[in-house]
């Protein structure tokens, strides 16, 4: 996954108070999304509100998930900021233009982004494992030579 956006912060007005919200999607966010994947349409505001709340930089008082859900302007502002901050998510978001609900569209874009990132990571791991496996016969020959020379 691309870590370019981990520390980007976005001021976000929620219920007439401004909070700094980090603009990245964590594995915990993806797990939350997976719990509701079959019902994005019904749960999109809850999911996005939970993600926002989880990424508010510490404040003495934080808005509740219900307060965030009730502030549709805050949710829309967060979606716009997140899309602008991550080109990969934006690309997937743009590909999903047939989905007219931008909340559902965002969740689907994030899902595609994480699936693609995981696939790329797995391919990189497989390539590294292949290189290690390829070198094992050479290691065996080296071990045999070491044993041979250590007997002398």
N, C-alpha and C. Protein backbone atom coordinates (compact mmCIF):
# COMPACT_ATOMS: atom_id res chain seq x y z
N UNK A 1 0.84 -1.18 0.00
CA UNK A 1 0.00 0.00 0.00
C UNK A 1 0.88 1.23 0.00
N UNK A 2 0.40 2.27 -0.59
CA UNK A 2 1.12 3.52 -0.71
C UNK A 2 1.00 4.29 0.60
N UNK A 3 2.13 4.67 1.20
CA UNK A 3 2.11 5.37 2.48
C UNK A 3 2.25 6.87 2.34
N UNK A 4 2.09 7.40 1.13
CA UNK A 4 2.32 8.82 0.90
C UNK A 4 1.37 9.72 1.68
N UNK A 5 0.22 9.22 2.10
CA UNK A 5 -0.80 10.08 2.70
C UNK A 5 -1.00 9.85 4.19
N UNK A 6 -0.17 9.05 4.82
CA UNK A 6 -0.41 8.68 6.21
C UNK A 6 -0.47 9.91 7.11
N UNK A 7 0.33 10.92 6.88
CA UNK A 7 0.39 12.05 7.80
C UNK A 7 -0.35 13.28 7.31
N UNK A 8 -1.05 13.19 6.19
CA UNK A 8 -1.80 14.35 5.72
C UNK A 8 -3.01 14.56 6.63
N UNK A 9 -3.20 15.80 7.01
CA UNK A 9 -4.34 16.15 7.87
C UNK A 9 -5.25 17.09 7.12
N UNK A 10 -6.53 16.96 7.40
CA UNK A 10 -7.54 17.81 6.79
C UNK A 10 -8.38 18.42 7.90
N UNK A 11 -8.46 19.74 7.97
CA UNK A 11 -9.41 20.32 8.92
C UNK A 11 -10.83 20.01 8.44
N UNK A 12 -11.65 19.53 9.33
CA UNK A 12 -13.00 19.14 8.97
C UNK A 12 -13.97 19.69 10.00
N UNK A 13 -14.93 20.47 9.53
CA UNK A 13 -15.94 21.05 10.43
C UNK A 13 -17.04 20.02 10.64
N UNK A 14 -17.21 19.61 11.90
CA UNK A 14 -18.25 18.67 12.28
C UNK A 14 -19.06 19.32 13.40
N UNK A 15 -20.34 19.49 13.17
CA UNK A 15 -21.23 20.10 14.17
C UNK A 15 -20.64 21.41 14.71
N UNK A 16 -20.21 22.26 13.80
CA UNK A 16 -19.71 23.60 14.12
C UNK A 16 -18.41 23.63 14.92
N UNK A 17 -17.67 22.54 14.93
CA UNK A 17 -16.35 22.53 15.54
C UNK A 17 -15.38 21.94 14.53
N UNK A 18 -14.17 22.50 14.44
CA UNK A 18 -13.19 22.03 13.47
C UNK A 18 -12.25 21.03 14.14
N UNK A 19 -12.09 19.89 13.46
CA UNK A 19 -11.20 18.82 13.91
C UNK A 19 -10.18 18.54 12.81
N UNK A 20 -8.97 18.15 13.20
CA UNK A 20 -8.00 17.68 12.23
C UNK A 20 -8.21 16.17 12.06
N UNK A 21 -8.40 15.76 10.81
CA UNK A 21 -8.66 14.36 10.50
C UNK A 21 -7.55 13.88 9.57
N UNK A 22 -6.95 12.74 9.91
CA UNK A 22 -5.91 12.19 9.04
C UNK A 22 -6.55 11.54 7.82
N UNK A 23 -5.91 11.74 6.68
CA UNK A 23 -6.46 11.26 5.41
C UNK A 23 -5.72 10.00 4.95
N UNK A 24 -5.99 8.93 5.61
CA UNK A 24 -5.51 7.64 5.14
C UNK A 24 -6.52 6.60 5.55
N UNK A 25 -6.46 5.49 4.90
CA UNK A 25 -7.35 4.39 5.22
C UNK A 25 -6.51 3.28 5.83
N UNK A 26 -6.88 2.88 7.02
CA UNK A 26 -6.12 1.86 7.73
C UNK A 26 -6.71 0.47 7.48
N UNK A 27 -5.97 -0.53 7.88
CA UNK A 27 -6.47 -1.90 7.76
C UNK A 27 -7.72 -2.07 8.63
N UNK A 28 -7.79 -1.38 9.75
CA UNK A 28 -8.99 -1.44 10.60
C UNK A 28 -10.22 -0.89 9.87
N UNK A 29 -10.01 0.13 9.06
CA UNK A 29 -11.11 0.68 8.27
C UNK A 29 -11.59 -0.34 7.25
N UNK A 30 -10.65 -1.04 6.64
CA UNK A 30 -11.01 -2.04 5.64
C UNK A 30 -11.75 -3.21 6.30
N UNK A 31 -11.33 -3.58 7.50
CA UNK A 31 -12.03 -4.64 8.24
C UNK A 31 -13.46 -4.20 8.55
N UNK A 32 -13.61 -2.96 8.99
CA UNK A 32 -14.95 -2.42 9.24
C UNK A 32 -15.79 -2.47 7.97
N UNK A 33 -15.21 -2.06 6.86
CA UNK A 33 -15.94 -2.09 5.59
C UNK A 33 -16.34 -3.51 5.21
N UNK A 34 -15.45 -4.47 5.46
CA UNK A 34 -15.74 -5.87 5.11
C UNK A 34 -16.94 -6.38 5.89
N UNK A 35 -17.10 -5.91 7.13
CA UNK A 35 -18.24 -6.34 7.94
C UNK A 35 -19.57 -5.93 7.33
N UNK A 36 -19.56 -4.87 6.54
CA UNK A 36 -20.80 -4.33 5.97
C UNK A 36 -20.83 -4.39 4.45
N UNK A 37 -19.91 -5.12 3.85
CA UNK A 37 -19.74 -5.09 2.39
C UNK A 37 -21.02 -5.43 1.63
N UNK A 38 -21.82 -6.32 2.15
CA UNK A 38 -23.05 -6.71 1.46
C UNK A 38 -24.12 -5.61 1.52
N UNK A 39 -23.96 -4.67 2.44
CA UNK A 39 -24.98 -3.63 2.63
C UNK A 39 -24.39 -2.23 2.66
N UNK A 40 -23.49 -1.93 1.73
CA UNK A 40 -22.90 -0.59 1.69
C UNK A 40 -23.99 0.48 1.62
N UNK A 41 -25.00 0.24 0.81
CA UNK A 41 -26.06 1.23 0.60
C UNK A 41 -26.72 1.62 1.93
N UNK A 42 -26.99 0.63 2.77
CA UNK A 42 -27.67 0.90 4.04
C UNK A 42 -26.74 1.46 5.11
N UNK A 43 -25.45 1.13 5.03
CA UNK A 43 -24.54 1.44 6.12
C UNK A 43 -23.43 2.43 5.77
N UNK A 44 -23.47 3.02 4.59
CA UNK A 44 -22.36 3.86 4.14
C UNK A 44 -22.10 5.04 5.08
N UNK A 45 -23.15 5.71 5.54
CA UNK A 45 -22.93 6.86 6.44
C UNK A 45 -22.31 6.41 7.76
N UNK A 46 -22.76 5.28 8.28
CA UNK A 46 -22.18 4.74 9.53
C UNK A 46 -20.71 4.40 9.32
N UNK A 47 -20.39 3.71 8.23
CA UNK A 47 -19.01 3.31 7.98
C UNK A 47 -18.11 4.53 7.84
N UNK A 48 -18.50 5.47 7.00
CA UNK A 48 -17.67 6.66 6.77
C UNK A 48 -17.57 7.50 8.05
N UNK A 49 -18.64 7.62 8.79
CA UNK A 49 -18.61 8.37 10.05
C UNK A 49 -17.67 7.71 11.05
N UNK A 50 -17.67 6.39 11.10
CA UNK A 50 -16.76 5.67 11.99
C UNK A 50 -15.31 5.87 11.56
N UNK A 51 -15.06 5.82 10.26
CA UNK A 51 -13.70 6.06 9.76
C UNK A 51 -13.26 7.47 10.13
N UNK A 52 -14.11 8.44 9.92
CA UNK A 52 -13.77 9.83 10.27
C UNK A 52 -13.44 9.92 11.76
N UNK A 53 -14.31 9.38 12.59
CA UNK A 53 -14.10 9.47 14.05
C UNK A 53 -12.80 8.79 14.45
N UNK A 54 -12.49 7.65 13.84
CA UNK A 54 -11.26 6.94 14.17
C UNK A 54 -10.01 7.69 13.75
N UNK A 55 -10.15 8.64 12.82
CA UNK A 55 -8.99 9.36 12.33
C UNK A 55 -8.93 10.81 12.79
N UNK A 56 -9.81 11.18 13.71
CA UNK A 56 -9.71 12.52 14.30
C UNK A 56 -8.49 12.51 15.23
N UNK A 57 -7.63 13.49 15.03
CA UNK A 57 -6.45 13.61 15.88
C UNK A 57 -6.95 14.05 17.25
N UNK A 58 -6.36 13.48 18.27
CA UNK A 58 -6.87 13.60 19.63
C UNK A 58 -7.42 14.97 19.98
N UNK A 59 -8.58 14.92 20.48
CA UNK A 59 -9.27 16.11 20.96
C UNK A 59 -9.82 15.79 22.35
N UNK A 60 -10.04 16.82 23.13
CA UNK A 60 -10.62 16.58 24.45
C UNK A 60 -12.03 16.01 24.32
N UNK A 61 -12.81 16.61 23.44
CA UNK A 61 -14.15 16.08 23.20
C UNK A 61 -14.26 15.76 21.72
N UNK A 62 -14.71 14.58 21.45
CA UNK A 62 -14.85 14.14 20.06
C UNK A 62 -16.34 13.99 19.76
N UNK A 63 -16.70 14.24 18.52
CA UNK A 63 -18.11 14.04 18.16
C UNK A 63 -18.43 12.55 18.16
N UNK A 64 -19.67 12.24 18.42
CA UNK A 64 -20.10 10.84 18.36
C UNK A 64 -20.27 10.44 16.89
N UNK A 65 -20.33 9.16 16.66
CA UNK A 65 -20.58 8.67 15.31
C UNK A 65 -21.92 9.20 14.81
N UNK A 66 -22.90 9.24 15.69
CA UNK A 66 -24.23 9.75 15.31
C UNK A 66 -24.17 11.22 14.92
N UNK A 67 -23.38 12.01 15.63
CA UNK A 67 -23.24 13.43 15.28
C UNK A 67 -22.59 13.58 13.90
N UNK A 68 -21.57 12.77 13.65
CA UNK A 68 -20.91 12.84 12.34
C UNK A 68 -21.89 12.41 11.25
N UNK A 69 -22.64 11.33 11.49
CA UNK A 69 -23.63 10.86 10.51
C UNK A 69 -24.64 11.95 10.20
N UNK A 70 -25.00 12.74 11.18
CA UNK A 70 -25.98 13.79 11.00
C UNK A 70 -25.46 15.01 10.25
N UNK A 71 -24.15 15.09 10.11
CA UNK A 71 -23.53 16.23 9.44
C UNK A 71 -23.11 15.82 8.03
N UNK A 72 -24.05 15.86 7.11
CA UNK A 72 -23.79 15.41 5.73
C UNK A 72 -22.76 16.27 5.01
N UNK A 73 -22.66 17.54 5.38
CA UNK A 73 -21.65 18.42 4.78
C UNK A 73 -20.26 17.95 5.18
N UNK A 74 -20.10 17.54 6.45
CA UNK A 74 -18.80 17.03 6.92
C UNK A 74 -18.42 15.75 6.19
N UNK A 75 -19.39 14.86 6.01
CA UNK A 75 -19.12 13.60 5.31
C UNK A 75 -18.70 13.88 3.87
N UNK A 76 -19.44 14.75 3.20
CA UNK A 76 -19.11 15.08 1.81
C UNK A 76 -17.74 15.74 1.72
N UNK A 77 -17.42 16.64 2.65
CA UNK A 77 -16.11 17.30 2.65
C UNK A 77 -14.98 16.28 2.87
N UNK A 78 -15.21 15.33 3.75
CA UNK A 78 -14.21 14.29 4.01
C UNK A 78 -13.98 13.46 2.74
N UNK A 79 -15.06 13.05 2.09
CA UNK A 79 -14.94 12.25 0.87
C UNK A 79 -14.13 13.01 -0.18
N UNK A 80 -14.45 14.27 -0.38
CA UNK A 80 -13.72 15.08 -1.36
C UNK A 80 -12.24 15.19 -1.02
N UNK A 81 -11.94 15.42 0.26
CA UNK A 81 -10.55 15.56 0.69
C UNK A 81 -9.79 14.25 0.53
N UNK A 82 -10.41 13.14 0.89
CA UNK A 82 -9.75 11.84 0.78
C UNK A 82 -9.45 11.51 -0.68
N UNK A 83 -10.42 11.76 -1.55
CA UNK A 83 -10.23 11.48 -2.97
C UNK A 83 -9.10 12.35 -3.55
N UNK A 84 -9.06 13.61 -3.16
CA UNK A 84 -8.00 14.51 -3.65
C UNK A 84 -6.63 14.11 -3.13
N UNK A 85 -6.58 13.49 -1.95
CA UNK A 85 -5.29 13.18 -1.33
C UNK A 85 -4.68 11.87 -1.79
N UNK A 86 -5.45 11.03 -2.46
CA UNK A 86 -4.94 9.70 -2.84
C UNK A 86 -5.31 9.41 -4.29
N UNK A 87 -4.32 9.49 -5.17
CA UNK A 87 -4.57 9.30 -6.60
C UNK A 87 -5.11 7.92 -6.94
N UNK A 88 -4.68 6.90 -6.23
CA UNK A 88 -5.17 5.54 -6.51
C UNK A 88 -6.65 5.42 -6.18
N UNK A 89 -7.04 5.92 -5.02
CA UNK A 89 -8.46 5.87 -4.65
C UNK A 89 -9.26 6.72 -5.63
N UNK A 90 -8.73 7.89 -6.00
CA UNK A 90 -9.42 8.76 -6.96
C UNK A 90 -9.62 8.04 -8.29
N UNK A 91 -8.60 7.33 -8.74
CA UNK A 91 -8.70 6.61 -10.00
C UNK A 91 -9.82 5.56 -9.94
N UNK A 92 -9.88 4.80 -8.88
CA UNK A 92 -10.95 3.80 -8.72
C UNK A 92 -12.32 4.49 -8.57
N UNK A 93 -12.34 5.60 -7.85
CA UNK A 93 -13.58 6.35 -7.66
C UNK A 93 -14.11 6.81 -9.02
N UNK A 94 -13.22 7.33 -9.85
CA UNK A 94 -13.62 7.80 -11.18
C UNK A 94 -14.11 6.65 -12.07
N UNK A 95 -13.48 5.48 -11.95
CA UNK A 95 -13.91 4.30 -12.72
C UNK A 95 -15.33 3.85 -12.37
N UNK A 96 -15.74 4.14 -11.15
CA UNK A 96 -17.05 3.69 -10.67
C UNK A 96 -18.14 4.74 -10.88
N UNK A 97 -18.03 5.51 -11.95
CA UNK A 97 -18.95 6.63 -12.17
C UNK A 97 -20.41 6.21 -12.34
N UNK A 98 -20.66 4.93 -12.61
CA UNK A 98 -22.05 4.45 -12.71
C UNK A 98 -22.75 4.44 -11.35
N UNK A 99 -21.95 4.41 -10.27
CA UNK A 99 -22.52 4.43 -8.92
C UNK A 99 -22.79 5.88 -8.55
N UNK A 100 -24.06 6.24 -8.41
CA UNK A 100 -24.42 7.65 -8.18
C UNK A 100 -24.35 8.07 -6.72
N UNK A 101 -24.41 7.12 -5.80
CA UNK A 101 -24.27 7.44 -4.38
C UNK A 101 -22.77 7.56 -4.09
N UNK A 102 -22.30 8.79 -3.84
CA UNK A 102 -20.86 8.99 -3.69
C UNK A 102 -20.30 8.28 -2.46
N UNK A 103 -21.12 8.03 -1.45
CA UNK A 103 -20.65 7.32 -0.26
C UNK A 103 -20.36 5.86 -0.60
N UNK A 104 -21.30 5.24 -1.29
CA UNK A 104 -21.13 3.84 -1.72
C UNK A 104 -19.96 3.77 -2.71
N UNK A 105 -19.91 4.72 -3.59
CA UNK A 105 -18.84 4.78 -4.59
C UNK A 105 -17.47 4.87 -3.93
N UNK A 106 -17.35 5.69 -2.87
CA UNK A 106 -16.09 5.80 -2.14
C UNK A 106 -15.72 4.45 -1.52
N UNK A 107 -16.67 3.80 -0.86
CA UNK A 107 -16.37 2.53 -0.21
C UNK A 107 -15.95 1.47 -1.23
N UNK A 108 -16.61 1.45 -2.37
CA UNK A 108 -16.22 0.50 -3.42
C UNK A 108 -14.83 0.83 -3.96
N UNK A 109 -14.52 2.11 -4.10
CA UNK A 109 -13.20 2.53 -4.59
C UNK A 109 -12.11 2.13 -3.59
N UNK A 110 -12.37 2.33 -2.31
CA UNK A 110 -11.41 1.93 -1.28
C UNK A 110 -11.21 0.42 -1.31
N UNK A 111 -12.30 -0.31 -1.47
CA UNK A 111 -12.22 -1.77 -1.53
C UNK A 111 -11.35 -2.21 -2.71
N UNK A 112 -11.57 -1.61 -3.88
CA UNK A 112 -10.76 -1.94 -5.06
C UNK A 112 -9.30 -1.57 -4.83
N UNK A 113 -9.07 -0.41 -4.23
CA UNK A 113 -7.71 0.05 -3.94
C UNK A 113 -6.98 -0.93 -3.03
N UNK A 114 -7.65 -1.36 -1.96
CA UNK A 114 -7.01 -2.29 -1.03
C UNK A 114 -6.81 -3.66 -1.67
N UNK A 115 -7.77 -4.12 -2.45
CA UNK A 115 -7.63 -5.41 -3.14
C UNK A 115 -6.43 -5.37 -4.08
N UNK A 116 -6.33 -4.29 -4.83
CA UNK A 116 -5.20 -4.13 -5.76
C UNK A 116 -3.88 -4.04 -5.00
N UNK A 117 -3.86 -3.31 -3.91
CA UNK A 117 -2.63 -3.17 -3.10
C UNK A 117 -2.21 -4.52 -2.53
N UNK A 118 -3.18 -5.28 -2.05
CA UNK A 118 -2.87 -6.60 -1.48
C UNK A 118 -2.35 -7.53 -2.57
N UNK A 119 -2.95 -7.50 -3.74
CA UNK A 119 -2.50 -8.34 -4.85
C UNK A 119 -1.07 -7.96 -5.25
N UNK A 120 -0.78 -6.68 -5.33
CA UNK A 120 0.58 -6.23 -5.66
C UNK A 120 1.58 -6.67 -4.60
N UNK A 121 1.19 -6.58 -3.34
CA UNK A 121 2.06 -7.02 -2.25
C UNK A 121 2.31 -8.52 -2.31
N UNK A 122 1.27 -9.28 -2.58
CA UNK A 122 1.43 -10.73 -2.69
C UNK A 122 2.34 -11.10 -3.86
N UNK A 123 2.19 -10.40 -4.97
CA UNK A 123 3.07 -10.67 -6.12
C UNK A 123 4.53 -10.37 -5.78
N UNK A 124 4.76 -9.30 -5.05
CA UNK A 124 6.13 -8.95 -4.65
C UNK A 124 6.70 -10.01 -3.70
N UNK A 125 5.88 -10.49 -2.78
CA UNK A 125 6.32 -11.54 -1.85
C UNK A 125 6.62 -12.82 -2.61
N UNK A 126 5.75 -13.18 -3.55
CA UNK A 126 5.99 -14.39 -4.36
C UNK A 126 7.30 -14.28 -5.13
N UNK A 127 7.57 -13.11 -5.68
CA UNK A 127 8.81 -12.91 -6.42
C UNK A 127 10.02 -13.08 -5.51
N UNK A 128 9.95 -12.54 -4.31
CA UNK A 128 11.05 -12.67 -3.35
C UNK A 128 11.22 -14.13 -2.94
N UNK A 129 10.12 -14.82 -2.70
CA UNK A 129 10.21 -16.23 -2.33
C UNK A 129 10.79 -17.06 -3.46
N UNK A 130 10.44 -16.72 -4.68
CA UNK A 130 11.01 -17.43 -5.83
C UNK A 130 12.52 -17.25 -5.87
N UNK A 131 12.98 -16.05 -5.61
CA UNK A 131 14.41 -15.78 -5.62
C UNK A 131 15.11 -16.58 -4.52
N UNK A 132 14.48 -16.65 -3.36
CA UNK A 132 15.06 -17.42 -2.25
C UNK A 132 15.09 -18.90 -2.61
N UNK A 133 13.98 -19.41 -3.13
CA UNK A 133 13.89 -20.82 -3.51
C UNK A 133 14.90 -21.14 -4.60
N UNK A 134 15.06 -20.23 -5.53
CA UNK A 134 16.01 -20.43 -6.62
C UNK A 134 17.43 -20.58 -6.08
N UNK A 135 17.76 -19.87 -5.01
CA UNK A 135 19.11 -19.90 -4.46
C UNK A 135 19.35 -21.05 -3.50
N UNK A 136 18.33 -21.76 -3.09
CA UNK A 136 18.51 -22.85 -2.15
C UNK A 136 19.45 -23.93 -2.69
N UNK A 137 19.33 -24.37 -3.96
CA UNK A 137 20.29 -25.37 -4.45
C UNK A 137 21.74 -24.89 -4.31
N UNK A 138 21.98 -23.63 -4.56
CA UNK A 138 23.33 -23.10 -4.40
C UNK A 138 23.78 -23.16 -2.94
N UNK A 139 22.86 -22.89 -2.03
CA UNK A 139 23.20 -22.96 -0.61
C UNK A 139 23.53 -24.39 -0.22
N UNK A 140 22.79 -25.35 -0.76
CA UNK A 140 23.08 -26.75 -0.48
C UNK A 140 24.49 -27.12 -0.95
N UNK A 141 24.85 -26.68 -2.14
CA UNK A 141 26.19 -26.97 -2.67
C UNK A 141 27.26 -26.32 -1.81
N UNK A 142 27.03 -25.11 -1.34
CA UNK A 142 27.98 -24.43 -0.47
C UNK A 142 28.15 -25.20 0.83
N UNK A 143 27.04 -25.67 1.39
CA UNK A 143 27.10 -26.44 2.63
C UNK A 143 27.90 -27.72 2.42
N UNK A 144 27.69 -28.39 1.28
CA UNK A 144 28.44 -29.61 0.98
C UNK A 144 29.93 -29.30 0.87
N UNK A 145 30.26 -28.21 0.21
CA UNK A 145 31.66 -27.82 0.08
C UNK A 145 32.28 -27.47 1.43
N UNK A 146 31.53 -26.81 2.28
CA UNK A 146 32.05 -26.46 3.61
C UNK A 146 32.34 -27.74 4.38
N UNK A 147 31.41 -28.67 4.33
CA UNK A 147 31.62 -29.94 5.03
C UNK A 147 32.85 -30.66 4.48
N UNK A 148 33.00 -30.66 3.17
CA UNK A 148 34.11 -31.34 2.51
C UNK A 148 35.45 -30.72 2.96
N UNK A 149 35.51 -29.40 2.96
CA UNK A 149 36.77 -28.73 3.30
C UNK A 149 37.03 -28.71 4.81
N UNK A 150 35.98 -28.80 5.61
CA UNK A 150 36.20 -28.79 7.06
C UNK A 150 36.74 -30.12 7.54
N UNK A 151 36.63 -31.18 6.74
CA UNK A 151 37.15 -32.49 7.12
C UNK A 151 38.65 -32.55 6.89
N UNK A 152 39.19 -31.69 6.05
CA UNK A 152 40.61 -31.73 5.71
C UNK A 152 41.44 -31.14 6.78
